Amino acid sequence: MTDLTIEADEFGRTLEELFGRLQLGIQSNIEEPVEQALTVGEKAWKAYARAVLSKSYSRGGWGKKRTVYTKSGRRSRATHWYGKTIKTGKYARSIRHHLTSRGMLAEGEVGSPSMPGLPHLLEKGHGYYHADPHVHIAPAAEEAFRNVERGVERVVERAINDA
């Protein structure tokens, strides 16, 4: 091992150059893992929303007693709803992601732009008709966070190796 003498100014310049190359390598490649994580988050959110909330229900009209004949021919007086049958899935289809980049920061957002208050009400529940919470956003967010963490680690490792 040889003794090497470096002046402070030269050492500082070398470090600045090294960190500049590192920053440039990260900055030019950071959007890709963030975009991938947003896509994973969106798909997971949609899948969890369909799994937790997939039902059909009737809307409109009032319940009336009417005679119903079953397959076995028995008669019963049951309450039936007259109205429109609604199939769910509109909420899950409304979920989108959006990526915004600002220099070193790549930011993204996943949400439902056409139904902005509904995700919170579904996730946390509400007291209007005492609706129970349907947890579907938190697991999707965890998947997206794990994905972006792995992607950013790969980008930083690649930038360090290239610098």
C-alpha atoms as a PDB file:
ATOM      1  CA  MET A   1       0.000   0.000   0.000  1.00  0.00           C
ATOM      2  CA  THR A   2       1.411   3.363  -0.953  1.00  0.00           C
ATOM      3  CA  ASP A   3       0.968   6.635   0.816  1.00  0.00           C
ATOM      4  CA  LEU A   4      -1.011   9.043  -1.279  1.00  0.00           C
ATOM      5  CA  THR A   5      -1.354  12.706  -0.495  1.00  0.00           C
ATOM      6  CA  ILE A   6      -4.369  14.544  -1.835  1.00  0.00           C
ATOM      7  CA  GLU A   7      -5.143  18.167  -1.211  1.00  0.00           C
ATOM      8  CA  ALA A   8      -8.497  19.002   0.390  1.00  0.00           C
ATOM      9  CA  ASP A   9      -9.730  20.939  -2.645  1.00  0.00           C
ATOM     10  CA  GLU A  10      -8.997  18.054  -5.003  1.00  0.00           C
ATOM     11  CA  PHE A  11     -10.679  15.571  -2.656  1.00  0.00           C
ATOM     12  CA  GLY A  12     -13.743  17.817  -2.426  1.00  0.00           C
ATOM     13  CA  ARG A  13     -13.956  18.170  -6.208  1.00  0.00           C
ATOM     14  CA  THR A  14     -13.651  14.398  -6.660  1.00  0.00           C
ATOM     15  CA  LEU A  15     -16.448  13.775  -4.160  1.00  0.00           C
ATOM     16  CA  GLU A  16     -18.662  16.408  -5.807  1.00  0.00           C
ATOM     17  CA  GLU A  17     -18.077  14.819  -9.205  1.00  0.00           C
ATOM     18  CA  LEU A  18     -18.818  11.332  -7.853  1.00  0.00           C
ATOM     19  CA  PHE A  19     -22.022  12.434  -6.120  1.00  0.00           C
ATOM     20  CA  GLY A  20     -23.067  14.408  -9.208  1.00  0.00           C
ATOM     21  CA  ARG A  21     -22.744  11.283 -11.366  1.00  0.00           C
ATOM     22  CA  LEU A  22     -24.626   9.305  -8.729  1.00  0.00           C
ATOM     23  CA  GLN A  23     -27.417  11.883  -8.613  1.00  0.00           C
ATOM     24  CA  LEU A  24     -27.664  11.975 -12.399  1.00  0.00           C
ATOM     25  CA  GLY A  25     -27.845   8.169 -12.586  1.00  0.00           C
ATOM     26  CA  ILE A  26     -30.628   8.044  -9.988  1.00  0.00           C
ATOM     27  CA  GLN A  27     -32.507  11.011 -11.415  1.00  0.00           C
ATOM     28  CA  SER A  28     -32.594   9.614 -14.939  1.00  0.00           C
ATOM     29  CA  ASN A  29     -33.889   6.191 -13.848  1.00  0.00           C
ATOM     30  CA  ILE A  30     -36.143   6.874 -10.845  1.00  0.00           C
ATOM     31  CA  GLU A  31     -39.410   7.295 -12.764  1.00  0.00           C
ATOM     32  CA  GLU A  32     -39.487   3.681 -13.983  1.00  0.00           C
ATOM     33  CA  PRO A  33     -39.813   1.952 -10.559  1.00  0.00           C
ATOM     34  CA  VAL A  34     -42.294   4.561  -9.364  1.00  0.00           C
ATOM     35  CA  GLU A  35     -44.451   4.043 -12.466  1.00  0.00           C
ATOM     36  CA  GLN A  36     -44.274   0.264 -11.992  1.00  0.00           C
ATOM     37  CA  ALA A  37     -45.263   0.579  -8.327  1.00  0.00           C
ATOM     38  CA  LEU A  38     -48.198   2.823  -9.249  1.00  0.00           C
ATOM     39  CA  THR A  39     -49.375   0.253 -11.787  1.00  0.00           C
ATOM     40  CA  VAL A  40     -49.046  -2.543  -9.223  1.00  0.00           C
ATOM     41  CA  GLY A  41     -50.932  -0.451  -6.666  1.00  0.00           C
ATOM     42  CA  GLU A  42     -53.723   0.339  -9.110  1.00  0.00           C
ATOM     43  CA  LYS A  43     -54.164  -3.296 -10.168  1.00  0.00           C
ATOM     44  CA  ALA A  44     -54.076  -4.540  -6.568  1.00  0.00           C
ATOM     45  CA  TRP A  45     -56.567  -1.882  -5.435  1.00  0.00           C
ATOM     46  CA  LYS A  46     -58.946  -2.859  -8.243  1.00  0.00           C
ATOM     47  CA  ALA A  47     -58.595  -6.553  -7.418  1.00  0.00           C
ATOM     48  CA  TYR A  48     -59.211  -6.003  -3.695  1.00  0.00           C
ATOM     49  CA  ALA A  49     -62.151  -3.700  -4.440  1.00  0.00           C
ATOM     50  CA  ARG A  50     -63.737  -6.324  -6.688  1.00  0.00           C
ATOM     51  CA  ALA A  51     -63.151  -9.067  -4.125  1.00  0.00           C
ATOM     52  CA  VAL A  52     -64.529  -7.108  -1.171  1.00  0.00           C
ATOM     53  CA  LEU A  53     -67.297  -5.132  -2.851  1.00  0.00           C
ATOM     54  CA  SER A  54     -68.576  -7.304  -5.703  1.00  0.00           C
ATOM     55  CA  LYS A  55     -72.314  -7.598  -5.204  1.00  0.00           C
ATOM     56  CA  SER A  56     -75.496  -6.592  -6.926  1.00  0.00           C
ATOM     57  CA  TYR A  57     -78.284  -4.766  -5.219  1.00  0.00           C
ATOM     58  CA  SER A  58     -81.616  -3.147  -5.989  1.00  0.00           C
ATOM     59  CA  ARG A  59     -82.135   0.566  -5.952  1.00  0.00           C
ATOM     60  CA  GLY A  60     -85.363   2.504  -5.964  1.00  0.00           C
ATOM     61  CA  GLY A  61     -88.922   1.487  -5.280  1.00  0.00           C
ATOM     62  CA  TRP A  62     -90.455   0.213  -2.081  1.00  0.00           C
ATOM     63  CA  GLY A  63     -90.753  -3.309  -0.770  1.00  0.00           C
ATOM     64  CA  LYS A  64     -94.184  -4.875  -1.316  1.00  0.00           C
ATOM     65  CA  LYS A  65     -95.724  -8.093  -0.154  1.00  0.00           C
ATOM     66  CA  ARG A  66     -96.571 -10.275  -3.078  1.00  0.00           C
ATOM     67  CA  THR A  67     -97.222 -13.928  -3.733  1.00  0.00           C
ATOM     68  CA  VAL A  68     -94.228 -15.824  -4.965  1.00  0.00           C
ATOM     69  CA  TYR A  69     -94.220 -19.356  -6.332  1.00  0.00           C
ATOM     70  CA  THR A  70     -91.068 -21.332  -5.613  1.00  0.00           C
ATOM     71  CA  LYS A  71     -89.672 -24.115  -7.807  1.00  0.00           C
ATOM     72  CA  SER A  72     -91.437 -26.716  -5.700  1.00  0.00           C
ATOM     73  CA  GLY A  73     -94.777 -24.992  -6.310  1.00  0.00           C
ATOM     74  CA  ARG A  74     -95.190 -23.624  -2.801  1.00  0.00           C
ATOM     75  CA  ARG A  75     -96.695 -20.218  -2.319  1.00  0.00           C
ATOM     76  CA  SER A  76     -95.209 -17.682   0.032  1.00  0.00           C
ATOM     77  CA  ARG A  77     -95.768 -14.054   0.860  1.00  0.00           C
ATOM     78  CA  ALA A  78     -92.418 -12.365   0.550  1.00  0.00           C
ATOM     79  CA  THR A  79     -91.188  -8.814   0.340  1.00  0.00           C
ATOM     80  CA  HIS A  80     -89.770  -7.950  -3.040  1.00  0.00           C
ATOM     81  CA  TRP A  81     -88.060  -4.808  -4.180  1.00  0.00           C
ATOM     82  CA  TYR A  82     -89.227  -3.149  -7.332  1.00  0.00           C
ATOM     83  CA  GLY A  83     -86.554  -1.063  -8.900  1.00  0.00           C
ATOM     84  CA  LYS A  84     -83.377  -1.215 -10.875  1.00  0.00           C
ATOM     85  CA  THR A  85     -80.804  -3.952 -10.202  1.00  0.00           C
ATOM     86  CA  ILE A  86     -77.337  -2.422  -9.921  1.00  0.00           C
ATOM     87  CA  LYS A  87     -74.221  -4.477 -10.488  1.00  0.00           C
ATOM     88  CA  THR A  88     -71.118  -3.222  -8.787  1.00  0.00           C
ATOM     89  CA  GLY A  89     -67.814  -2.716 -10.515  1.00  0.00           C
ATOM     90  CA  LYS A  90     -68.111   0.939 -11.433  1.00  0.00           C
ATOM     91  CA  TYR A  91     -66.005   1.943  -8.432  1.00  0.00           C
ATOM     92  CA  ALA A  92     -63.246  -0.564  -9.252  1.00  0.00           C
ATOM     93  CA  ARG A  93     -63.196   0.592 -12.878  1.00  0.00           C
ATOM     94  CA  SER A  94     -62.808   4.220 -11.768  1.00  0.00           C
ATOM     95  CA  ILE A  95     -59.446   3.665 -10.028  1.00  0.00           C
ATOM     96  CA  ARG A  96     -56.539   5.323 -11.876  1.00  0.00           C
ATOM     97  CA  HIS A  97     -52.906   6.266 -11.267  1.00  0.00           C
ATOM     98  CA  HIS A  98     -51.037   9.433 -12.149  1.00  0.00           C
ATOM     99  CA  LEU A  99     -47.265  10.098 -12.133  1.00  0.00           C
ATOM    100  CA  THR A 100     -45.752  13.546 -11.652  1.00  0.00           C
ATOM    101  CA  SER A 101     -42.000  14.148 -11.862  1.00  0.00           C
ATOM    102  CA  ARG A 102     -40.083  17.022 -10.424  1.00  0.00           C
ATOM    103  CA  GLY A 103     -36.332  16.605 -10.816  1.00  0.00           C
ATOM    104  CA  MET A 104     -35.062  14.100  -8.273  1.00  0.00           C
ATOM    105  CA  LEU A 105     -38.559  13.504  -6.932  1.00  0.00           C
ATOM    106  CA  ALA A 106     -40.940  11.248  -8.770  1.00  0.00           C
ATOM    107  CA  GLU A 107     -44.364  11.380  -7.164  1.00  0.00           C
ATOM    108  CA  GLY A 108     -47.443   9.388  -7.945  1.00  0.00           C
ATOM    109  CA  GLU A 109     -51.014   9.045  -6.858  1.00  0.00           C
ATOM    110  CA  VAL A 110     -53.561   6.266  -7.127  1.00  0.00           C
ATOM    111  CA  GLY A 111     -57.206   7.067  -6.586  1.00  0.00           C
ATOM    112  CA  SER A 112     -60.701   7.365  -7.924  1.00  0.00           C
ATOM    113  CA  PRO A 113     -61.015  10.777  -9.594  1.00  0.00           C
ATOM    114  CA  SER A 114     -64.689  10.351 -10.487  1.00  0.00           C
ATOM    115  CA  MET A 115     -65.669   9.257  -6.937  1.00  0.00           C
ATOM    116  CA  PRO A 116     -63.260  11.164  -4.680  1.00  0.00           C
ATOM    117  CA  GLY A 117     -64.893  10.624  -1.269  1.00  0.00           C
ATOM    118  CA  LEU A 118     -66.020   7.047  -1.735  1.00  0.00           C
ATOM    119  CA  PRO A 119     -62.697   5.229  -1.130  1.00  0.00           C
ATOM    120  CA  HIS A 120     -62.369   6.726   2.346  1.00  0.00           C
ATOM    121  CA  LEU A 121     -65.961   5.869   3.255  1.00  0.00           C
ATOM    122  CA  LEU A 122     -65.575   2.296   2.040  1.00  0.00           C
ATOM    123  CA  GLU A 123     -62.187   1.781   3.720  1.00  0.00           C
ATOM    124  CA  LYS A 124     -63.110   3.302   7.096  1.00  0.00           C
ATOM    125  CA  GLY A 125     -66.862   2.738   7.206  1.00  0.00           C
ATOM    126  CA  HIS A 126     -69.353   5.448   8.111  1.00  0.00           C
ATOM    127  CA  GLY A 127     -72.313   6.018  10.367  1.00  0.00           C
ATOM    128  CA  TYR A 128     -74.979   7.123   7.899  1.00  0.00           C
ATOM    129  CA  TYR A 129     -76.511   3.666   7.599  1.00  0.00           C
ATOM    130  CA  HIS A 130     -73.816   2.229   9.843  1.00  0.00           C
ATOM    131  CA  ALA A 131     -71.819   0.845   6.959  1.00  0.00           C
ATOM    132  CA  ASP A 132     -69.046  -1.488   8.035  1.00  0.00           C
ATOM    133  CA  PRO A 133     -65.508  -0.831   6.794  1.00  0.00           C
ATOM    134  CA  HIS A 134     -64.323  -2.781   3.770  1.00  0.00           C
ATOM    135  CA  VAL A 135     -60.522  -2.763   3.973  1.00  0.00           C
ATOM    136  CA  HIS A 136     -59.236  -2.863   0.417  1.00  0.00           C
ATOM    137  CA  ILE A 137     -56.836   0.086   0.015  1.00  0.00           C
ATOM    138  CA  ALA A 138     -54.315  -0.712   2.767  1.00  0.00           C
ATOM    139  CA  PRO A 139     -53.216  -4.109   1.363  1.00  0.00           C
ATOM    140  CA  ALA A 140     -52.856  -2.607  -2.118  1.00  0.00           C
ATOM    141  CA  ALA A 141     -50.769   0.268  -0.718  1.00  0.00           C
ATOM    142  CA  GLU A 142     -48.484  -2.191   1.081  1.00  0.00           C
ATOM    143  CA  GLU A 143     -47.881  -4.075  -2.168  1.00  0.00           C
ATOM    144  CA  ALA A 144     -47.106  -0.829  -4.005  1.00  0.00           C
ATOM    145  CA  PHE A 145     -44.739   0.385  -1.267  1.00  0.00           C
ATOM    146  CA  ARG A 146     -42.818  -2.910  -1.272  1.00  0.00           C
ATOM    147  CA  ASN A 147     -42.587  -2.734  -5.056  1.00  0.00           C
ATOM    148  CA  VAL A 148     -41.279   0.845  -5.148  1.00  0.00           C
ATOM    149  CA  GLU A 149     -38.769   0.098  -2.393  1.00  0.00           C
ATOM    150  CA  ARG A 150     -37.291  -2.811  -4.347  1.00  0.00           C
ATOM    151  CA  GLY A 151     -37.243  -0.753  -7.559  1.00  0.00           C
ATOM    152  CA  VAL A 152     -35.507   2.236  -5.977  1.00  0.00           C
ATOM    153  CA  GLU A 153     -32.897  -0.062  -4.397  1.00  0.00           C
ATOM    154  CA  ARG A 154     -32.120  -1.481  -7.844  1.00  0.00           C
ATOM    155  CA  VAL A 155     -31.831   2.023  -9.341  1.00  0.00           C
ATOM    156  CA  VAL A 156     -29.473   3.195  -6.582  1.00  0.00           C
ATOM    157  CA  GLU A 157     -27.303   0.056  -6.892  1.00  0.00           C
ATOM    158  CA  ARG A 158     -27.116   0.524 -10.661  1.00  0.00           C
ATOM    159  CA  ALA A 159     -26.178   4.201 -10.234  1.00  0.00           C
ATOM    160  CA  ILE A 160     -23.455   3.332  -7.711  1.00  0.00           C
ATOM    161  CA  ASN A 161     -22.005   0.698 -10.021  1.00  0.00           C
ATOM    162  CA  ASP A 162     -22.059   3.073 -12.993  1.00  0.00           C
ATOM    163  CA  ALA A 163     -20.497   5.984 -11.051  1.00  0.00           C
END
